[in-house]
Every structure is written in C-alpha cells, then in structure tokens.
Amino acid sequence: MLASRESNCIVPEPFGAGLGGPPAGRENLRRSAGVGMSTSPKRRSRRATTLTPEPLYRLGTAFWGSGVLFAAHRLSIFEALEARPRTASEVAGVCGLTLPGAEKLLTACAALGLVAGDEAGRYRNSPVAKTFLVRGKPAYQGHLLAYFADLWSRFGELEHLLKTGEIGPREAAFALARPDDERRAAERAWVLAMHEIAVGGQAEALCRAIDLSDCARLLDVSGGSGSYALHFAEQYPGLVAEVLDLPEVIAVAEELIRQSVVGARVRARAGDFLNADYGSGYDVVLLSGVLHGLGERHILRVLKKAYAALNPGGRVIVQELTPDAPSPAAAQFAALFSLNMMSGAAYSAERIALWLNQSGFLRIAMTPLDQAWWFDHVISGRKP
C-alpha cells in the first residue's frame, strides 16, 4: 500500500504490481531513499531478484479495506465526525457500536487514510472523507459505494458466473428474499451512483473532449440520471436535450432535472432503448456506458437506430471503458469491471470504431480521456 500525498489516503498499488519482482515493502522503500543501501553491485542484484508472496497477500486481503469502507459508510461514521472531532467512545454512542468495535473500526479507517486521530484520542474526517463520504455534500459518492457493496457477493462467487454465465446461488437467494422496498431503494441507488460518477469528474472530462457548439438537439440514449445531458446543456446555452430510459430510471432523472438551473431545456422520455423509437431530427446521439453491456448484434441495432435518428452531418458519441485505456490503472479497472457482467464486455476502442463504420458512420475519431477514472475513451462518428 502506498500513501497518496494528494488525497492523504492509503491507496493500493495496481493489482498486478510486484508479481514479477520485489515487493514494495519497507525494506524496498528504505533502499529507494538511500537508507542502508549497500554499494555492492552483487548485493543489489541478489536483492533485486528476490521473490516473496507479499504481492499475493496484498491481493488476497484487498477486500478487507473495502469491508472497512463499506461498514464505516453504512454506520454513518463520517457523518458523526463531520459535526466535530470525536473519541472512539463518543462515536460508539452516536453510531450504536460497542467501544471495542468503534476503536477497531476507527483504527482501521485511520490506517486507510479515511480519518485522522490526534493525541487526545479524537478522530476527524480526512479531506477525502469530508468531500466524498458525507451525505448531503455536493460531491457525495455514497450511492456508488452502495453499488460496489452490492457486487461483494457476485465477486465472491465469481467462478460460478464464469462457468455458467449466471449469478451465484448466494446472490440469487439474496435477490429472491430481498423485500420490494429494499429492492426499489437499491435500484434508485444505482441511478444515483451513475449520477455520482458523472458529477465526480466524468461529465467534465466528456465535455472537454467533445465540442457541441454546432448542435441544437441532443438525445441521451439510456441516459440514466440525465447528468450528461444536464452538463452539456449547462455548457451550451443553445442546446436542448432529451433523456431516454426506463420509467423507473426516468423518475429519478426528472428529480435531478427539476433541481437543475437548465432543467427547462432538458426533458426525460420513458422507453426501452433496444426497442423504443428514438425519433428524428437530432444533431447528436450520446451513448454513455451503453455498449459494454450488450453483445455485437444488439450493439449494431442500437447504432443503426442512432444513425436513423440523426440529421445529416449529425454525430454519435460513444463513451466507454476499454481494455486499451490510456493508463494501466484504467485498463485494469475495465478488465476487472467486465467480470461482473453477464453479457457484453469491455470492448476496445478500435472494435467500437469498426461497429460505427459498419453502421454507416464516417469521420470516426477515438479520443482517450486522461482525467476520468470510469470511462476512458470517447469514440465518435458522423452521419454523412
């Protein structure tokens, strides 16, 4: 684990890091700092080829940190510390924990850089927790954490999914037993999680990569919360946008649209994006995070529907996670994320570009997104 100076959080090294070389342990850090370094070339060479199982230990215990984060979030630890610094005893009282439980959890959160303690035994939120983990804050990411937590059982039964293409028995049993109100809350949390991804920097990265100054009408297909449509409408005062998604998703999008200062120029329309009529007369069709959940037959169907909905000269914009991401961490994320999907895959930008061309689009461009951590490429094309 390495400490990030910018976030003041402990972050894991890339999952594959160190598997073919020495671990990034304390001894290696001392050597890199020149502490206790031998001038003997023979000694340095011998240490450089030493293999230990430490990278496997880091991989095998990576979920421990996730468990700490999820538990602290569900127990409202960060809200308790937002009001003022508190001792473990005070946190135990506010959050309903035993004193030993509060002490252990706060110690673990401090080790992960989520909170910080002082000499008086009081804990406070770190900058990351204060910004992203406190309910009600503008950049809150808690619904996304809830989505990650819901994937806990799926990755715990990953071998079943890989063998059968179906979720595992424990996840299936949980889904069947889940009360309707809890299921609806989880579905709403998923839509809000996608909103949090957008406002967490993804929408800004997309807007930097795409110039819509010549566009008057935008259709956001399977647009979820409508966050990208809203962000584009904020950037371009002459743009009118429409969000197409399922009725239960649109209900959440309409809440966010009503809260937006550009809500008058963004509307939501209920429909299944695979079967609904997209309409016509659009200058741009946005497909953000849509294609990775589909097979090739359905991808071509969606792209042809997008083509038909566009004016001549109109553009399709595909935002996706790809295995050829601009950074190793982003490529790793795409590879791991694709494991939880029962259909589709993380397709390369080149493959998506080929599908655009097969659907009739020309002037195809592939643009990597360097400052976004979820979707890493924009692939666009124009209708002749």
Protein backbone atom coordinates (compact mmCIF):
# COMPACT_ATOMS: atom_id res chain seq x y z
CA MET A 1 0.00 0.00 0.00
CA LEU A 2 1.30 3.45 -0.86
CA ALA A 3 0.30 6.78 0.60
CA SER A 4 -1.13 9.29 -1.86
CA ARG A 5 0.14 12.75 -0.94
CA GLU A 6 -2.67 14.49 -2.81
CA SER A 7 -5.60 12.63 -1.23
CA ASN A 8 -3.98 11.83 2.14
CA CYS A 9 -5.42 8.32 1.64
CA ILE A 10 -3.72 4.95 1.52
CA VAL A 11 -4.26 3.51 -1.93
CA PRO A 12 -3.35 0.04 -3.21
CA GLU A 13 -0.76 -0.49 -5.88
CA PRO A 14 -2.09 -1.84 -9.18
CA PHE A 15 -3.27 -5.38 -8.54
CA GLY A 16 -0.63 -6.96 -10.72
CA ALA A 17 2.22 -4.79 -9.45
CA GLY A 18 5.15 -6.61 -7.99
CA LEU A 19 4.06 -10.10 -9.02
CA GLY A 20 7.18 -10.47 -11.10
CA GLY A 21 9.56 -8.52 -8.88
CA PRO A 22 10.37 -7.44 -5.34
CA PRO A 23 7.56 -6.25 -3.09
CA ALA A 24 7.16 -2.57 -2.31
CA GLY A 25 7.71 -3.21 1.37
CA ARG A 26 9.55 -1.16 3.97
CA GLU A 27 12.92 -2.53 3.04
CA ASN A 28 12.45 -1.52 -0.58
CA LEU A 29 11.29 1.94 0.47
CA ARG A 30 14.40 2.29 2.63
CA ARG A 31 16.57 1.27 -0.29
CA SER A 32 14.86 3.77 -2.60
CA ALA A 33 15.51 6.50 -0.05
CA GLY A 34 19.15 5.51 0.26
CA VAL A 35 18.79 4.17 3.80
CA GLY A 36 21.04 1.22 4.50
CA MET A 37 21.88 0.84 0.80
CA SER A 38 24.87 -1.27 0.01
CA THR A 39 27.32 -0.11 -2.65
CA SER A 40 27.97 -3.71 -3.63
CA PRO A 41 26.56 -4.39 -7.12
CA LYS A 42 26.40 -8.09 -6.31
CA ARG A 43 24.26 -7.48 -3.21
CA ARG A 44 21.85 -5.16 -5.09
CA SER A 45 21.46 -7.70 -7.88
CA ARG A 46 20.70 -10.51 -5.44
CA ARG A 47 18.01 -8.46 -3.67
CA ALA A 48 16.50 -7.33 -6.97
CA THR A 49 15.71 -10.91 -7.96
CA THR A 50 14.22 -11.97 -4.62
CA LEU A 51 10.59 -13.05 -4.86
CA THR A 52 8.22 -13.14 -1.91
CA PRO A 53 4.50 -13.90 -1.67
CA GLU A 54 3.79 -10.39 -0.32
CA PRO A 55 2.08 -9.24 -3.57
CA LEU A 56 -0.30 -12.18 -3.24
CA TYR A 57 -1.02 -11.22 0.36
CA ARG A 58 -1.91 -7.70 -0.80
CA LEU A 59 -4.21 -9.11 -3.46
CA GLY A 60 -5.79 -11.63 -1.14
CA THR A 61 -6.57 -9.09 1.57
CA ALA A 62 -7.59 -6.17 -0.68
CA PHE A 63 -11.24 -6.79 0.19
CA TRP A 64 -10.53 -6.14 3.87
CA GLY A 65 -10.12 -2.45 3.14
CA SER A 66 -13.33 -2.46 1.09
CA GLY A 67 -15.15 -4.05 4.02
CA VAL A 68 -13.93 -1.31 6.35
CA LEU A 69 -15.04 1.41 3.94
CA PHE A 70 -18.49 -0.12 3.39
CA ALA A 71 -19.07 -0.68 7.11
CA ALA A 72 -17.97 2.84 8.06
CA HIS A 73 -20.25 4.30 5.41
CA ARG A 74 -23.28 2.21 6.43
CA LEU A 75 -22.70 3.04 10.10
CA SER A 76 -22.57 6.80 9.32
CA ILE A 77 -19.11 7.18 10.83
CA PHE A 78 -18.23 10.06 8.52
CA GLU A 79 -21.40 11.99 9.34
CA ALA A 80 -20.64 11.57 13.04
CA LEU A 81 -17.16 13.02 12.56
CA GLU A 82 -18.35 15.81 10.26
CA ALA A 83 -20.10 17.57 13.14
CA ARG A 84 -16.90 17.69 15.21
CA PRO A 85 -13.90 15.50 16.14
CA ARG A 86 -14.96 12.68 18.44
CA THR A 87 -13.35 10.00 20.58
CA ALA A 88 -13.99 6.30 19.99
CA SER A 89 -16.34 6.31 22.97
CA GLU A 90 -18.36 9.17 21.51
CA VAL A 91 -18.51 7.51 18.09
CA ALA A 92 -19.67 4.29 19.72
CA GLY A 93 -22.54 6.14 21.35
CA VAL A 94 -23.58 8.09 18.26
CA CYS A 95 -23.32 5.17 15.81
CA GLY A 96 -24.54 2.35 18.05
CA LEU A 97 -21.27 0.42 18.32
CA THR A 98 -19.54 -1.31 21.17
CA LEU A 99 -16.50 0.57 22.40
CA PRO A 100 -14.06 -2.13 21.20
CA GLY A 101 -15.83 -2.14 17.84
CA ALA A 102 -15.55 1.63 17.47
CA GLU A 103 -11.89 1.57 18.46
CA LYS A 104 -11.06 -1.14 15.91
CA LEU A 105 -13.05 0.48 13.12
CA LEU A 106 -11.56 3.95 13.68
CA THR A 107 -8.05 2.48 13.86
CA ALA A 108 -8.65 0.71 10.54
CA CYS A 109 -10.13 3.85 8.97
CA ALA A 110 -7.09 5.82 10.11
CA ALA A 111 -4.76 3.20 8.60
CA LEU A 112 -6.63 3.57 5.29
CA GLY A 113 -6.42 7.38 5.41
CA LEU A 114 -10.17 7.86 5.78
CA VAL A 115 -9.90 9.54 9.19
CA ALA A 116 -7.09 11.00 11.28
CA GLY A 117 -6.58 10.86 15.03
CA ASP A 118 -4.93 13.31 17.39
CA GLU A 119 -3.01 12.91 20.65
CA ALA A 120 -6.19 13.39 22.66
CA GLY A 121 -7.74 10.33 21.03
CA ARG A 122 -10.20 12.29 18.89
CA TYR A 123 -10.83 11.44 15.27
CA ARG A 124 -11.77 13.69 12.36
CA ASN A 125 -12.55 13.07 8.69
CA SER A 126 -9.75 13.16 6.15
CA PRO A 127 -10.16 15.54 3.18
CA VAL A 128 -11.35 12.63 1.01
CA ALA A 129 -13.97 11.53 3.55
CA LYS A 130 -15.08 15.11 4.18
CA THR A 131 -15.56 15.74 0.45
CA PHE A 132 -16.97 12.44 -0.83
CA LEU A 133 -18.33 10.37 2.06
CA VAL A 134 -20.62 12.75 3.98
CA ARG A 135 -24.27 12.54 3.00
CA GLY A 136 -25.62 15.80 1.60
CA LYS A 137 -22.27 17.08 0.30
CA PRO A 138 -22.28 18.15 -3.39
CA ALA A 139 -19.66 15.56 -4.40
CA TYR A 140 -21.06 12.72 -2.23
CA GLN A 141 -20.20 9.26 -3.61
CA GLY A 142 -22.09 7.08 -1.15
CA HIS A 143 -24.61 5.63 -3.61
CA LEU A 144 -21.71 4.43 -5.74
CA LEU A 145 -20.22 2.76 -2.67
CA ALA A 146 -23.56 1.05 -2.09
CA TYR A 147 -23.39 -0.29 -5.64
CA PHE A 148 -19.86 -1.58 -5.05
CA ALA A 149 -21.06 -3.26 -1.86
CA ASP A 150 -23.86 -4.96 -3.80
CA LEU A 151 -21.18 -6.52 -6.02
CA TRP A 152 -19.49 -8.08 -2.98
CA SER A 153 -21.37 -11.38 -3.27
CA ARG A 154 -21.02 -11.51 -7.06
CA PHE A 155 -17.25 -11.36 -6.91
CA GLY A 156 -17.32 -13.81 -4.03
CA GLU A 157 -18.99 -16.32 -6.38
CA LEU A 158 -17.10 -15.25 -9.49
CA GLU A 159 -16.16 -18.77 -10.51
CA HIS A 160 -19.88 -19.68 -10.76
CA LEU A 161 -20.56 -16.70 -13.03
CA LEU A 162 -17.59 -17.55 -15.24
CA LYS A 163 -18.67 -21.19 -15.56
CA THR A 164 -22.39 -20.66 -16.10
CA GLY A 165 -22.91 -17.05 -17.14
CA GLU A 166 -25.37 -16.69 -14.26
CA ILE A 167 -25.16 -15.13 -10.80
CA GLY A 168 -24.18 -17.44 -7.96
CA PRO A 169 -26.62 -19.20 -5.63
CA ARG A 170 -25.99 -16.90 -2.65
CA GLU A 171 -26.63 -13.75 -4.72
CA ALA A 172 -29.70 -15.35 -6.30
CA ALA A 173 -31.09 -16.32 -2.90
CA PHE A 174 -30.49 -12.82 -1.56
CA ALA A 175 -32.25 -11.27 -4.58
CA LEU A 176 -35.29 -13.51 -4.09
CA ALA A 177 -35.53 -12.77 -0.37
CA ARG A 178 -34.94 -9.03 -0.70
CA PRO A 179 -38.05 -7.02 0.25
CA ASP A 180 -39.60 -4.96 -2.52
CA ASP A 181 -38.91 -1.63 -0.81
CA GLU A 182 -35.25 -2.55 -0.34
CA ARG A 183 -35.00 -3.66 -3.97
CA ARG A 184 -36.52 -0.39 -5.19
CA ALA A 185 -34.12 1.53 -2.96
CA ALA A 186 -31.19 -0.37 -4.48
CA GLU A 187 -32.41 0.41 -8.00
CA ARG A 188 -32.70 4.08 -7.13
CA ALA A 189 -29.24 4.00 -5.55
CA TRP A 190 -27.85 2.57 -8.81
CA VAL A 191 -29.23 5.52 -10.81
CA LEU A 192 -27.83 7.97 -8.27
CA ALA A 193 -24.49 6.12 -8.36
CA MET A 194 -24.26 6.81 -12.08
CA HIS A 195 -25.04 10.46 -11.31
CA GLU A 196 -22.19 10.50 -8.79
CA ILE A 197 -19.79 9.13 -11.41
CA ALA A 198 -20.80 11.94 -13.76
CA VAL A 199 -20.51 14.76 -11.23
CA GLY A 200 -17.32 13.20 -9.85
CA GLY A 201 -15.47 14.35 -12.97
CA GLN A 202 -16.66 12.10 -15.80
CA ALA A 203 -19.12 14.62 -17.25
CA GLU A 204 -16.50 17.36 -17.19
CA ALA A 205 -13.97 15.10 -18.95
CA LEU A 206 -16.53 14.22 -21.63
CA CYS A 207 -17.40 17.89 -22.23
CA ARG A 208 -13.72 18.75 -22.60
CA ALA A 209 -13.32 16.05 -25.24
CA ILE A 210 -16.39 16.91 -27.34
CA ASP A 211 -17.36 20.27 -28.86
CA LEU A 212 -21.13 20.61 -29.33
CA SER A 213 -21.18 24.30 -30.20
CA ASP A 214 -22.78 23.49 -33.58
CA CYS A 215 -25.51 21.28 -32.08
CA ALA A 216 -29.09 22.22 -31.21
CA ARG A 217 -30.67 18.88 -30.18
CA LEU A 218 -29.13 16.02 -28.17
CA LEU A 219 -30.57 12.58 -27.41
CA ASP A 220 -29.02 10.76 -24.43
CA VAL A 221 -29.88 7.08 -25.02
CA SER A 222 -30.18 5.03 -21.84
CA GLY A 223 -29.21 8.29 -20.18
CA GLY A 224 -29.90 7.20 -16.60
CA SER A 225 -29.89 10.17 -14.25
CA GLY A 226 -29.58 12.64 -17.14
CA SER A 227 -26.37 14.04 -15.69
CA TYR A 228 -24.50 14.19 -19.01
CA ALA A 229 -27.41 15.83 -20.79
CA LEU A 230 -27.64 18.39 -18.00
CA HIS A 231 -23.91 19.07 -18.09
CA PHE A 232 -23.92 19.60 -21.85
CA ALA A 233 -26.95 21.90 -21.50
CA GLU A 234 -25.02 23.94 -18.93
CA GLN A 235 -22.05 24.22 -21.29
CA TYR A 236 -24.09 25.14 -24.37
CA PRO A 237 -26.98 27.61 -23.79
CA GLY A 238 -28.46 26.88 -27.22
CA LEU A 239 -28.68 23.12 -26.69
CA VAL A 240 -31.91 21.24 -25.96
CA ALA A 241 -31.50 17.68 -24.62
CA GLU A 242 -33.69 14.63 -24.18
CA VAL A 243 -33.00 11.63 -21.94
CA LEU A 244 -34.38 8.19 -22.89
CA ASP A 245 -34.53 5.41 -20.31
CA LEU A 246 -36.86 3.03 -18.44
CA PRO A 247 -39.75 4.56 -16.46
CA GLU A 248 -38.28 3.80 -13.03
CA VAL A 249 -34.99 5.38 -14.09
CA ILE A 250 -36.65 8.42 -15.65
CA ALA A 251 -38.44 9.07 -12.34
CA VAL A 252 -35.04 9.75 -10.72
CA ALA A 253 -33.79 11.72 -13.72
CA GLU A 254 -36.81 14.01 -13.56
CA GLU A 255 -36.00 14.84 -9.92
CA LEU A 256 -32.49 15.92 -10.90
CA ILE A 257 -33.74 17.81 -13.94
CA ARG A 258 -36.18 19.79 -11.79
CA GLN A 259 -33.32 20.75 -9.45
CA SER A 260 -31.11 21.98 -12.30
CA VAL A 261 -30.86 25.57 -13.49
CA VAL A 262 -31.05 24.28 -17.08
CA GLY A 263 -33.97 21.93 -16.41
CA ALA A 264 -36.21 23.84 -18.81
CA ARG A 265 -34.02 22.68 -21.71
CA VAL A 266 -33.77 19.02 -20.68
CA ARG A 267 -36.68 16.59 -20.77
CA ALA A 268 -36.99 12.88 -20.00
CA ARG A 269 -38.81 10.25 -22.06
CA ALA A 270 -39.61 6.71 -20.92
CA GLY A 271 -38.64 3.86 -23.23
CA ASP A 272 -36.58 0.70 -23.63
CA PHE A 273 -33.56 1.80 -25.65
CA LEU A 274 -33.39 -1.50 -27.50
CA ASN A 275 -36.95 -1.30 -28.78
CA ALA A 276 -38.13 2.31 -28.47
CA ASP A 277 -38.35 4.67 -31.41
CA TYR A 278 -35.56 7.21 -30.95
CA GLY A 279 -37.32 9.78 -33.09
CA SER A 280 -35.51 12.02 -35.57
CA GLY A 281 -34.00 15.44 -36.08
CA TYR A 282 -31.16 15.17 -33.56
CA ASP A 283 -27.71 16.69 -34.05
CA VAL A 284 -26.02 14.35 -31.58
CA VAL A 285 -26.86 10.98 -30.01
CA LEU A 286 -24.97 10.13 -26.83
CA LEU A 287 -24.36 6.50 -25.84
CA SER A 288 -22.55 6.70 -22.49
CA GLY A 289 -21.77 3.37 -20.88
CA VAL A 290 -24.33 1.56 -23.03
CA LEU A 291 -22.38 -0.70 -25.38
CA HIS A 292 -20.32 -2.64 -22.84
CA GLY A 293 -23.48 -4.32 -21.57
CA LEU A 294 -24.50 -5.61 -25.00
CA GLY A 295 -23.44 -8.25 -27.49
CA GLU A 296 -22.50 -7.37 -31.07
CA ARG A 297 -25.99 -7.96 -32.52
CA HIS A 298 -27.63 -5.53 -30.10
CA ILE A 299 -24.78 -3.03 -30.43
CA LEU A 300 -25.29 -2.81 -34.19
CA ARG A 301 -29.03 -2.49 -33.65
CA VAL A 302 -28.56 0.47 -31.28
CA LEU A 303 -26.03 2.16 -33.57
CA LYS A 304 -28.34 1.85 -36.57
CA LYS A 305 -31.21 3.35 -34.55
CA ALA A 306 -28.90 6.20 -33.55
CA TYR A 307 -27.93 6.71 -37.21
CA ALA A 308 -31.58 6.92 -38.24
CA ALA A 309 -32.33 9.49 -35.50
CA LEU A 310 -29.60 11.90 -36.63
CA ASN A 311 -29.74 14.75 -39.08
CA PRO A 312 -27.24 14.60 -41.97
CA GLY A 313 -23.92 15.67 -40.51
CA GLY A 314 -25.05 14.66 -37.02
CA ARG A 315 -22.78 12.82 -34.61
CA VAL A 316 -22.93 9.74 -32.46
CA ILE A 317 -20.81 9.91 -29.30
CA VAL A 318 -19.89 6.70 -27.51
CA GLN A 319 -18.29 6.94 -24.07
CA GLU A 320 -16.91 3.64 -22.80
CA LEU A 321 -14.42 1.81 -20.62
CA THR A 322 -11.92 -0.10 -22.73
CA PRO A 323 -9.02 -2.52 -22.26
CA ASP A 324 -6.82 -0.09 -24.24
CA ALA A 325 -7.29 2.73 -21.73
CA PRO A 326 -4.63 5.47 -21.60
CA SER A 327 -3.34 4.37 -18.18
CA PRO A 328 -2.57 0.92 -16.74
CA ALA A 329 -4.90 1.59 -13.80
CA ALA A 330 -7.81 2.44 -16.12
CA ALA A 331 -7.18 -0.61 -18.29
CA GLN A 332 -7.06 -2.75 -15.14
CA PHE A 333 -10.35 -1.27 -13.96
CA ALA A 334 -12.02 -2.11 -17.29
CA ALA A 335 -10.76 -5.69 -17.15
CA LEU A 336 -12.00 -6.21 -13.59
CA PHE A 337 -15.32 -4.46 -14.12
CA SER A 338 -16.14 -6.64 -17.11
CA LEU A 339 -16.01 -9.72 -14.86
CA ASN A 340 -19.26 -8.77 -13.13
CA MET A 341 -21.24 -8.52 -16.38
CA MET A 342 -23.40 -11.43 -17.54
CA SER A 343 -23.49 -10.06 -21.10
CA GLY A 344 -21.26 -7.81 -23.13
CA ALA A 345 -17.64 -6.99 -22.45
CA ALA A 346 -15.14 -4.17 -22.23
CA TYR A 347 -14.58 -3.68 -25.95
CA SER A 348 -11.56 -1.97 -27.46
CA ALA A 349 -11.93 1.50 -28.94
CA GLU A 350 -10.89 0.10 -32.33
CA ARG A 351 -13.64 -2.50 -32.24
CA ILE A 352 -16.26 0.10 -31.36
CA ALA A 353 -14.97 2.31 -34.18
CA LEU A 354 -15.39 -0.60 -36.59
CA TRP A 355 -19.01 -1.05 -35.48
CA LEU A 356 -19.64 2.65 -36.07
CA ASN A 357 -18.27 2.30 -39.57
CA GLN A 358 -20.40 -0.79 -40.23
CA SER A 359 -23.45 1.22 -39.16
CA GLY A 360 -22.76 3.93 -41.75
CA PHE A 361 -20.83 6.50 -39.72
CA LEU A 362 -17.80 8.25 -41.22
CA ARG A 363 -15.07 10.59 -39.92
CA ILE A 364 -14.64 8.33 -36.90
CA ALA A 365 -12.42 9.58 -34.08
CA MET A 366 -11.12 7.85 -30.95
CA THR A 367 -10.28 10.16 -28.06
CA PRO A 368 -8.74 8.89 -24.80
CA LEU A 369 -9.93 10.56 -21.61
CA ASP A 370 -6.88 11.11 -19.43
CA GLN A 371 -8.60 12.75 -16.45
CA ALA A 372 -11.53 10.39 -15.93
CA TRP A 373 -11.45 7.19 -13.94
CA TRP A 374 -14.60 5.31 -15.03
CA PHE A 375 -14.99 5.70 -18.82
CA ASP A 376 -11.67 6.15 -20.57
CA HIS A 377 -12.49 6.64 -24.27
CA VAL A 378 -14.83 8.62 -26.48
CA ILE A 379 -15.47 7.17 -29.93
CA SER A 380 -17.42 9.42 -32.28
CA GLY A 381 -18.59 9.38 -35.87
CA ARG A 382 -20.65 11.50 -38.26
CA LYS A 383 -23.63 10.64 -40.39
CA PRO A 384 -22.89 11.66 -44.00
